Amino acid sequence: MSPQFELGDVVRVVRNVRDDGTFPGATRGDLLVRRGSLGHVVDIGTFLMDQIIYSVHFLDAKRIVGCREEELLPADAPWAESQFETRERVRNLKALSIDGEVRVPVGAVGEVLKVIRDVADDIAYHVHFPVFPGRTLQVRERALGPVTPGIQETRDA
């Protein structure tokens, strides 16, 4: 297990970092650092002997935050801002079909499992829709919208 980043490296955090109850002076769930923010690696350690944890100083947020390796990219790596992030609920704007059969109707609500930024010309997401149980679909960002409070959710196919 060798670290991908070194002390002093400039890195970008790929998802919002929220307090998990361990950040002094913050409340569980508080936003600590916004996705896309740049910071400098100031320390490298491990958690449970199998995860590398980087202490990253985010100057704009005036915070040093612990980040896992998968939460960071080199600052010079290509970056595309996404509209949604992992664990957010989304509504599909188009019917989603497989082999010509609609599996997820327009308006169905799902949960983002993963953000995929390396899709040409568009961000995509792995999304689970309860109306299509047991399956995860890769959906382009332009086919998704936010869940608007007060609008009926589609739960049945």
N, C-alpha and C. Protein backbone atom coordinates (compact mmCIF):
# COMPACT_ATOMS: atom_id res chain seq x y z
N MET A 1 0.86 -1.17 0.00
CA MET A 1 0.00 0.00 0.00
C MET A 1 0.91 1.23 0.00
N SER A 2 1.02 1.85 -1.17
CA SER A 2 1.85 3.06 -1.26
C SER A 2 0.96 4.23 -1.69
N PRO A 3 1.20 5.41 -1.11
CA PRO A 3 0.34 6.56 -1.41
C PRO A 3 0.51 7.05 -2.85
N GLN A 4 -0.61 7.48 -3.42
CA GLN A 4 -0.61 8.05 -4.77
C GLN A 4 -0.10 9.49 -4.75
N PHE A 5 -0.32 10.20 -3.63
CA PHE A 5 0.08 11.59 -3.51
C PHE A 5 1.18 11.74 -2.48
N GLU A 6 1.94 12.83 -2.60
CA GLU A 6 3.03 13.10 -1.67
C GLU A 6 2.76 14.41 -0.94
N LEU A 7 3.50 14.63 0.14
CA LEU A 7 3.39 15.88 0.88
C LEU A 7 3.61 17.06 -0.06
N GLY A 8 2.76 18.05 0.03
CA GLY A 8 2.88 19.25 -0.81
C GLY A 8 2.12 19.17 -2.12
N ASP A 9 1.69 17.97 -2.53
CA ASP A 9 0.93 17.85 -3.78
C ASP A 9 -0.37 18.65 -3.69
N VAL A 10 -0.74 19.27 -4.81
CA VAL A 10 -2.03 19.96 -4.90
C VAL A 10 -3.04 18.95 -5.45
N VAL A 11 -4.15 18.80 -4.73
CA VAL A 11 -5.17 17.82 -5.09
C VAL A 11 -6.54 18.48 -5.14
N ARG A 12 -7.46 17.79 -5.81
CA ARG A 12 -8.86 18.25 -5.91
C ARG A 12 -9.74 17.19 -5.27
N VAL A 13 -10.68 17.62 -4.44
CA VAL A 13 -11.62 16.68 -3.83
C VAL A 13 -12.79 16.48 -4.79
N VAL A 14 -13.18 15.21 -5.01
CA VAL A 14 -14.17 14.89 -6.05
C VAL A 14 -15.61 14.83 -5.56
N ARG A 15 -15.81 14.93 -4.25
CA ARG A 15 -17.18 14.94 -3.73
C ARG A 15 -17.22 15.87 -2.52
N ASN A 16 -18.41 16.34 -2.19
CA ASN A 16 -18.55 17.17 -1.00
C ASN A 16 -18.10 16.37 0.21
N VAL A 17 -17.36 17.03 1.09
CA VAL A 17 -16.91 16.38 2.32
C VAL A 17 -17.74 16.98 3.46
N ARG A 18 -18.44 16.10 4.17
CA ARG A 18 -19.29 16.52 5.28
C ARG A 18 -18.75 15.94 6.58
N ASP A 19 -19.07 16.61 7.67
CA ASP A 19 -18.62 16.15 8.98
C ASP A 19 -19.27 14.83 9.32
N ASP A 20 -18.45 13.86 9.68
CA ASP A 20 -18.96 12.56 10.10
C ASP A 20 -19.07 12.46 11.62
N GLY A 21 -18.98 13.62 12.26
CA GLY A 21 -19.06 13.66 13.72
C GLY A 21 -17.70 13.77 14.38
N THR A 22 -16.63 13.82 13.57
CA THR A 22 -15.28 13.86 14.13
C THR A 22 -14.57 15.20 13.94
N PHE A 23 -15.19 16.13 13.21
CA PHE A 23 -14.52 17.41 12.95
C PHE A 23 -14.83 18.38 14.09
N PRO A 24 -13.79 18.91 14.75
CA PRO A 24 -14.02 19.82 15.89
C PRO A 24 -14.79 21.08 15.49
N GLY A 25 -15.81 21.40 16.27
CA GLY A 25 -16.57 22.63 16.05
C GLY A 25 -17.65 22.53 15.00
N ALA A 26 -17.80 21.37 14.37
CA ALA A 26 -18.83 21.19 13.35
C ALA A 26 -19.86 20.19 13.86
N THR A 27 -21.02 20.20 13.23
CA THR A 27 -22.10 19.28 13.56
C THR A 27 -22.17 18.21 12.49
N ARG A 28 -22.47 16.99 12.90
CA ARG A 28 -22.57 15.89 11.93
C ARG A 28 -23.42 16.34 10.73
N GLY A 29 -22.88 16.13 9.52
CA GLY A 29 -23.58 16.49 8.29
C GLY A 29 -23.23 17.86 7.74
N ASP A 30 -22.55 18.70 8.52
CA ASP A 30 -22.15 20.03 8.03
C ASP A 30 -21.20 19.88 6.84
N LEU A 31 -21.38 20.74 5.83
CA LEU A 31 -20.48 20.76 4.69
C LEU A 31 -19.14 21.34 5.13
N LEU A 32 -18.07 20.58 4.95
CA LEU A 32 -16.73 21.04 5.31
C LEU A 32 -15.98 21.59 4.10
N VAL A 33 -16.05 20.86 2.98
CA VAL A 33 -15.35 21.27 1.76
C VAL A 33 -16.21 20.88 0.56
N ARG A 34 -16.41 21.81 -0.37
CA ARG A 34 -17.23 21.56 -1.56
C ARG A 34 -16.43 20.81 -2.62
N ARG A 35 -17.11 19.89 -3.30
CA ARG A 35 -16.45 19.13 -4.37
C ARG A 35 -15.83 20.08 -5.39
N GLY A 36 -14.68 19.69 -5.89
CA GLY A 36 -13.96 20.52 -6.85
C GLY A 36 -12.93 21.43 -6.20
N SER A 37 -12.97 21.56 -4.87
CA SER A 37 -12.03 22.44 -4.17
C SER A 37 -10.61 21.88 -4.25
N LEU A 38 -9.64 22.80 -4.29
CA LEU A 38 -8.23 22.43 -4.33
C LEU A 38 -7.61 22.59 -2.96
N GLY A 39 -6.68 21.70 -2.63
CA GLY A 39 -5.96 21.77 -1.37
C GLY A 39 -4.58 21.16 -1.51
N HIS A 40 -3.79 21.30 -0.46
CA HIS A 40 -2.42 20.77 -0.43
C HIS A 40 -2.34 19.64 0.59
N VAL A 41 -1.68 18.54 0.21
CA VAL A 41 -1.47 17.43 1.13
C VAL A 41 -0.46 17.86 2.19
N VAL A 42 -0.86 17.80 3.47
CA VAL A 42 0.03 18.21 4.56
C VAL A 42 0.44 17.04 5.45
N ASP A 43 -0.23 15.89 5.31
CA ASP A 43 0.15 14.71 6.10
C ASP A 43 -0.46 13.49 5.43
N ILE A 44 0.17 12.34 5.65
CA ILE A 44 -0.32 11.08 5.10
C ILE A 44 -0.32 10.05 6.22
N GLY A 45 -1.46 9.37 6.39
CA GLY A 45 -1.56 8.35 7.43
C GLY A 45 -2.40 7.19 6.95
N THR A 46 -2.76 6.32 7.87
CA THR A 46 -3.60 5.18 7.52
C THR A 46 -4.75 5.07 8.52
N PHE A 47 -5.80 4.39 8.10
CA PHE A 47 -6.95 4.11 8.94
C PHE A 47 -7.18 2.60 8.88
N LEU A 48 -7.24 1.96 10.04
CA LEU A 48 -7.45 0.51 10.14
C LEU A 48 -6.42 -0.28 9.33
N MET A 49 -5.27 0.31 9.14
CA MET A 49 -4.12 -0.33 8.47
C MET A 49 -4.38 -0.72 7.01
N ASP A 50 -5.54 -0.33 6.45
CA ASP A 50 -5.78 -0.71 5.05
C ASP A 50 -6.29 0.44 4.19
N GLN A 51 -6.40 1.64 4.75
CA GLN A 51 -6.83 2.80 3.97
C GLN A 51 -5.85 3.95 4.18
N ILE A 52 -5.41 4.53 3.07
CA ILE A 52 -4.55 5.71 3.17
C ILE A 52 -5.44 6.93 3.36
N ILE A 53 -5.09 7.74 4.35
CA ILE A 53 -5.83 8.97 4.63
C ILE A 53 -4.86 10.14 4.47
N TYR A 54 -5.28 11.12 3.69
CA TYR A 54 -4.48 12.32 3.48
C TYR A 54 -5.09 13.47 4.27
N SER A 55 -4.28 14.18 5.01
CA SER A 55 -4.71 15.44 5.61
C SER A 55 -4.47 16.50 4.55
N VAL A 56 -5.55 17.15 4.12
CA VAL A 56 -5.47 18.12 3.03
C VAL A 56 -5.89 19.48 3.56
N HIS A 57 -5.04 20.47 3.32
CA HIS A 57 -5.34 21.84 3.75
C HIS A 57 -6.03 22.55 2.59
N PHE A 58 -7.31 22.84 2.78
CA PHE A 58 -8.10 23.57 1.80
C PHE A 58 -8.07 25.04 2.22
N LEU A 59 -7.27 25.83 1.51
CA LEU A 59 -7.06 27.24 1.89
C LEU A 59 -8.35 28.04 1.84
N ASP A 60 -9.17 27.85 0.80
CA ASP A 60 -10.41 28.62 0.67
C ASP A 60 -11.37 28.35 1.82
N ALA A 61 -11.42 27.10 2.27
CA ALA A 61 -12.32 26.73 3.37
C ALA A 61 -11.65 26.96 4.73
N LYS A 62 -10.35 27.23 4.70
CA LYS A 62 -9.57 27.42 5.94
C LYS A 62 -9.69 26.21 6.85
N ARG A 63 -9.55 25.01 6.24
CA ARG A 63 -9.71 23.77 7.00
C ARG A 63 -8.69 22.74 6.54
N ILE A 64 -8.28 21.92 7.47
CA ILE A 64 -7.51 20.72 7.16
C ILE A 64 -8.45 19.55 7.40
N VAL A 65 -8.66 18.76 6.36
CA VAL A 65 -9.65 17.69 6.39
C VAL A 65 -9.00 16.38 5.96
N GLY A 66 -9.37 15.29 6.61
CA GLY A 66 -8.90 13.97 6.21
C GLY A 66 -9.70 13.46 5.02
N CYS A 67 -8.99 12.99 3.99
CA CYS A 67 -9.63 12.49 2.76
C CYS A 67 -9.05 11.13 2.40
N ARG A 68 -9.92 10.25 1.94
CA ARG A 68 -9.45 8.96 1.41
C ARG A 68 -8.91 9.16 0.00
N GLU A 69 -8.05 8.26 -0.42
CA GLU A 69 -7.40 8.39 -1.72
C GLU A 69 -8.42 8.48 -2.87
N GLU A 70 -9.50 7.70 -2.80
CA GLU A 70 -10.49 7.70 -3.87
C GLU A 70 -11.30 8.99 -3.93
N GLU A 71 -11.18 9.83 -2.91
CA GLU A 71 -11.88 11.12 -2.91
C GLU A 71 -11.06 12.24 -3.54
N LEU A 72 -9.83 11.92 -3.98
CA LEU A 72 -8.93 12.95 -4.48
C LEU A 72 -8.45 12.66 -5.89
N LEU A 73 -8.18 13.75 -6.62
CA LEU A 73 -7.56 13.70 -7.94
C LEU A 73 -6.37 14.66 -7.93
N PRO A 74 -5.38 14.42 -8.80
CA PRO A 74 -4.35 15.44 -8.95
C PRO A 74 -5.00 16.73 -9.45
N ALA A 75 -4.50 17.87 -9.01
CA ALA A 75 -5.10 19.16 -9.37
C ALA A 75 -5.11 19.38 -10.87
N ASP A 76 -4.14 18.82 -11.59
CA ASP A 76 -4.07 19.05 -13.03
C ASP A 76 -4.85 18.01 -13.85
N ALA A 77 -5.52 17.08 -13.18
CA ALA A 77 -6.35 16.09 -13.89
C ALA A 77 -7.59 16.78 -14.43
N PRO A 78 -8.10 16.32 -15.57
CA PRO A 78 -9.33 16.92 -16.11
C PRO A 78 -10.45 16.86 -15.07
N TRP A 79 -11.24 17.93 -15.02
CA TRP A 79 -12.33 18.02 -14.04
C TRP A 79 -13.56 18.59 -14.71
N ALA A 80 -14.67 17.98 -14.47
CA ALA A 80 -15.96 18.48 -14.95
C ALA A 80 -16.89 18.55 -13.75
N GLU A 81 -17.47 19.70 -13.53
CA GLU A 81 -18.39 19.88 -12.41
C GLU A 81 -19.67 19.11 -12.69
N SER A 82 -20.13 18.35 -11.72
CA SER A 82 -21.36 17.58 -11.89
C SER A 82 -22.52 18.27 -11.17
N GLN A 83 -23.71 18.04 -11.69
CA GLN A 83 -24.91 18.61 -11.08
C GLN A 83 -25.31 17.83 -9.82
N PHE A 84 -25.03 16.53 -9.81
CA PHE A 84 -25.42 15.67 -8.69
C PHE A 84 -24.20 14.96 -8.15
N GLU A 85 -24.35 14.34 -6.99
CA GLU A 85 -23.26 13.55 -6.44
C GLU A 85 -23.81 12.30 -5.77
N THR A 86 -22.90 11.45 -5.36
CA THR A 86 -23.26 10.19 -4.74
C THR A 86 -24.27 10.39 -3.60
N ARG A 87 -25.25 9.52 -3.57
CA ARG A 87 -26.34 9.47 -2.58
C ARG A 87 -27.42 10.51 -2.79
N GLU A 88 -27.31 11.35 -3.81
CA GLU A 88 -28.39 12.31 -4.08
C GLU A 88 -29.51 11.60 -4.82
N ARG A 89 -30.72 12.05 -4.57
CA ARG A 89 -31.88 11.54 -5.30
C ARG A 89 -32.05 12.37 -6.56
N VAL A 90 -32.40 11.68 -7.65
CA VAL A 90 -32.59 12.33 -8.94
C VAL A 90 -33.88 11.81 -9.58
N ARG A 91 -34.39 12.58 -10.53
CA ARG A 91 -35.58 12.20 -11.28
C ARG A 91 -35.17 12.10 -12.74
N ASN A 92 -35.56 11.00 -13.41
CA ASN A 92 -35.18 10.90 -14.82
C ASN A 92 -36.15 11.71 -15.68
N LEU A 93 -35.58 12.38 -16.68
CA LEU A 93 -36.34 13.26 -17.55
C LEU A 93 -36.79 12.57 -18.83
N LYS A 94 -36.27 11.37 -19.07
CA LYS A 94 -36.61 10.59 -20.27
C LYS A 94 -36.88 9.15 -19.84
N ALA A 95 -37.72 8.47 -20.57
CA ALA A 95 -37.94 7.05 -20.29
C ALA A 95 -36.64 6.30 -20.58
N LEU A 96 -36.30 5.37 -19.73
CA LEU A 96 -35.07 4.59 -19.91
C LEU A 96 -35.45 3.18 -20.34
N SER A 97 -34.90 2.75 -21.48
CA SER A 97 -35.24 1.45 -22.03
C SER A 97 -34.02 0.58 -22.22
N ILE A 98 -34.29 -0.71 -22.20
CA ILE A 98 -33.27 -1.70 -22.52
C ILE A 98 -33.90 -2.61 -23.57
N ASP A 99 -33.20 -2.75 -24.70
CA ASP A 99 -33.70 -3.55 -25.83
C ASP A 99 -35.10 -3.13 -26.25
N GLY A 100 -35.36 -1.82 -26.25
CA GLY A 100 -36.63 -1.28 -26.70
C GLY A 100 -37.76 -1.34 -25.69
N GLU A 101 -37.52 -1.92 -24.53
CA GLU A 101 -38.55 -2.02 -23.50
C GLU A 101 -38.28 -0.99 -22.40
N VAL A 102 -39.30 -0.14 -22.13
CA VAL A 102 -39.14 0.88 -21.10
C VAL A 102 -39.06 0.18 -19.74
N ARG A 103 -37.94 0.43 -19.05
CA ARG A 103 -37.73 -0.16 -17.73
C ARG A 103 -37.92 0.86 -16.61
N VAL A 104 -37.67 2.15 -16.95
CA VAL A 104 -37.82 3.22 -15.96
C VAL A 104 -38.61 4.35 -16.63
N PRO A 105 -39.86 4.59 -16.18
CA PRO A 105 -40.68 5.62 -16.81
C PRO A 105 -40.19 7.03 -16.48
N VAL A 106 -40.59 7.99 -17.30
CA VAL A 106 -40.27 9.40 -17.04
C VAL A 106 -40.76 9.77 -15.65
N GLY A 107 -39.94 10.49 -14.92
CA GLY A 107 -40.33 10.97 -13.60
C GLY A 107 -39.98 10.05 -12.46
N ALA A 108 -39.45 8.86 -12.76
CA ALA A 108 -39.08 7.95 -11.67
C ALA A 108 -37.92 8.54 -10.88
N VAL A 109 -37.94 8.31 -9.59
CA VAL A 109 -36.89 8.82 -8.71
C VAL A 109 -35.91 7.70 -8.40
N GLY A 110 -34.63 8.03 -8.48
CA GLY A 110 -33.58 7.07 -8.17
C GLY A 110 -32.51 7.71 -7.31
N GLU A 111 -31.52 6.91 -6.96
CA GLU A 111 -30.42 7.39 -6.12
C GLU A 111 -29.11 7.21 -6.87
N VAL A 112 -28.29 8.27 -6.88
CA VAL A 112 -26.97 8.21 -7.51
C VAL A 112 -26.06 7.35 -6.65
N LEU A 113 -25.47 6.34 -7.27
CA LEU A 113 -24.53 5.47 -6.58
C LEU A 113 -23.09 5.88 -6.85
N LYS A 114 -22.86 6.46 -8.05
CA LYS A 114 -21.50 6.85 -8.42
C LYS A 114 -21.56 7.91 -9.52
N VAL A 115 -20.63 8.87 -9.46
CA VAL A 115 -20.48 9.89 -10.51
C VAL A 115 -19.37 9.42 -11.43
N ILE A 116 -19.63 9.47 -12.73
CA ILE A 116 -18.65 9.04 -13.73
C ILE A 116 -18.30 10.25 -14.59
N ARG A 117 -17.08 10.74 -14.42
CA ARG A 117 -16.66 11.95 -15.12
C ARG A 117 -15.89 11.67 -16.40
N ASP A 118 -15.56 10.43 -16.69
CA ASP A 118 -14.73 10.14 -17.85
C ASP A 118 -15.53 9.73 -19.09
N VAL A 119 -16.81 10.05 -19.11
CA VAL A 119 -17.65 9.78 -20.27
C VAL A 119 -17.51 10.97 -21.24
N ALA A 120 -17.24 10.69 -22.49
CA ALA A 120 -17.01 11.75 -23.47
C ALA A 120 -18.19 12.71 -23.55
N ASP A 121 -17.91 13.99 -23.45
CA ASP A 121 -18.87 15.08 -23.67
C ASP A 121 -20.01 15.17 -22.65
N ASP A 122 -20.01 14.39 -21.60
CA ASP A 122 -21.11 14.46 -20.64
C ASP A 122 -20.71 13.71 -19.38
N ILE A 123 -21.22 14.16 -18.27
CA ILE A 123 -21.09 13.42 -17.01
C ILE A 123 -22.16 12.33 -17.03
N ALA A 124 -21.87 11.22 -16.42
CA ALA A 124 -22.85 10.15 -16.30
C ALA A 124 -22.86 9.68 -14.85
N TYR A 125 -23.87 8.91 -14.51
CA TYR A 125 -24.04 8.43 -13.14
C TYR A 125 -24.47 6.97 -13.16
N HIS A 126 -24.05 6.23 -12.16
CA HIS A 126 -24.67 4.94 -11.90
C HIS A 126 -25.84 5.25 -10.97
N VAL A 127 -27.05 4.90 -11.41
CA VAL A 127 -28.26 5.23 -10.67
C VAL A 127 -29.07 3.97 -10.42
N HIS A 128 -29.58 3.86 -9.20
CA HIS A 128 -30.51 2.78 -8.87
C HIS A 128 -31.91 3.38 -8.79
N PHE A 129 -32.83 2.81 -9.57
CA PHE A 129 -34.23 3.20 -9.54
C PHE A 129 -35.03 2.06 -8.90
N PRO A 130 -35.76 2.33 -7.82
CA PRO A 130 -36.56 1.27 -7.19
C PRO A 130 -37.56 0.61 -8.15
N VAL A 131 -37.99 1.33 -9.21
CA VAL A 131 -38.94 0.73 -10.16
C VAL A 131 -38.27 -0.34 -11.03
N PHE A 132 -36.93 -0.43 -10.96
CA PHE A 132 -36.17 -1.44 -11.70
C PHE A 132 -35.23 -2.13 -10.70
N PRO A 133 -35.81 -2.90 -9.76
CA PRO A 133 -35.04 -3.45 -8.64
C PRO A 133 -33.92 -4.38 -9.08
N GLY A 134 -32.84 -4.31 -8.30
CA GLY A 134 -31.72 -5.21 -8.55
C GLY A 134 -30.81 -4.78 -9.68
N ARG A 135 -31.09 -3.68 -10.32
CA ARG A 135 -30.29 -3.24 -11.47
C ARG A 135 -29.78 -1.82 -11.23
N THR A 136 -28.60 -1.57 -11.75
CA THR A 136 -28.02 -0.23 -11.73
C THR A 136 -27.84 0.20 -13.17
N LEU A 137 -28.29 1.42 -13.47
CA LEU A 137 -28.19 1.93 -14.84
C LEU A 137 -27.17 3.06 -14.90
N GLN A 138 -26.46 3.14 -16.03
CA GLN A 138 -25.58 4.28 -16.27
C GLN A 138 -26.40 5.29 -17.07
N VAL A 139 -26.59 6.49 -16.50
CA VAL A 139 -27.46 7.50 -17.09
C VAL A 139 -26.69 8.79 -17.25
N ARG A 140 -26.79 9.39 -18.44
CA ARG A 140 -26.11 10.67 -18.69
C ARG A 140 -26.79 11.79 -17.91
N GLU A 141 -26.00 12.78 -17.53
CA GLU A 141 -26.51 13.87 -16.72
C GLU A 141 -27.68 14.59 -17.37
N ARG A 142 -27.64 14.77 -18.68
CA ARG A 142 -28.70 15.52 -19.36
C ARG A 142 -30.05 14.80 -19.31
N ALA A 143 -30.05 13.53 -18.91
CA ALA A 143 -31.31 12.78 -18.80
C ALA A 143 -31.86 12.79 -17.39
N LEU A 144 -31.21 13.53 -16.48
CA LEU A 144 -31.64 13.56 -15.08
C LEU A 144 -31.94 14.97 -14.62
N GLY A 145 -32.82 15.08 -13.65
CA GLY A 145 -33.14 16.37 -13.04
C GLY A 145 -33.22 16.20 -11.54
N PRO A 146 -33.28 17.32 -10.83
CA PRO A 146 -33.37 17.24 -9.38
C PRO A 146 -34.75 16.74 -8.94
N VAL A 147 -34.81 16.19 -7.75
CA VAL A 147 -36.09 15.82 -7.17
C VAL A 147 -36.68 17.08 -6.57
N THR A 148 -37.85 17.45 -7.04
CA THR A 148 -38.51 18.67 -6.57
C THR A 148 -39.50 18.31 -5.48
N PRO A 149 -39.36 18.93 -4.29
CA PRO A 149 -40.30 18.64 -3.22
C PRO A 149 -41.74 18.93 -3.64
N GLY A 150 -42.65 18.08 -3.23
CA GLY A 150 -44.06 18.30 -3.52
C GLY A 150 -44.54 17.62 -4.79
N ILE A 151 -43.63 17.11 -5.62
CA ILE A 151 -44.03 16.41 -6.85
C ILE A 151 -44.11 14.93 -6.54
N GLN A 152 -45.17 14.28 -6.98
CA GLN A 152 -45.38 12.86 -6.73
C GLN A 152 -44.24 12.04 -7.33
N GLU A 153 -43.71 11.11 -6.52
CA GLU A 153 -42.64 10.23 -7.00
C GLU A 153 -43.25 9.02 -7.67
N THR A 154 -42.60 8.58 -8.74
CA THR A 154 -43.02 7.37 -9.43
C THR A 154 -42.29 6.20 -8.80
N ARG A 155 -43.03 5.28 -8.16
CA ARG A 155 -42.38 4.15 -7.50
C ARG A 155 -42.72 2.84 -8.19
N ASP A 156 -43.80 2.81 -8.94
CA ASP A 156 -44.21 1.57 -9.59
C ASP A 156 -43.99 1.68 -11.08
N ALA A 157 -43.65 0.58 -11.69
CA ALA A 157 -43.43 0.57 -13.15
C ALA A 157 -44.76 0.57 -13.88
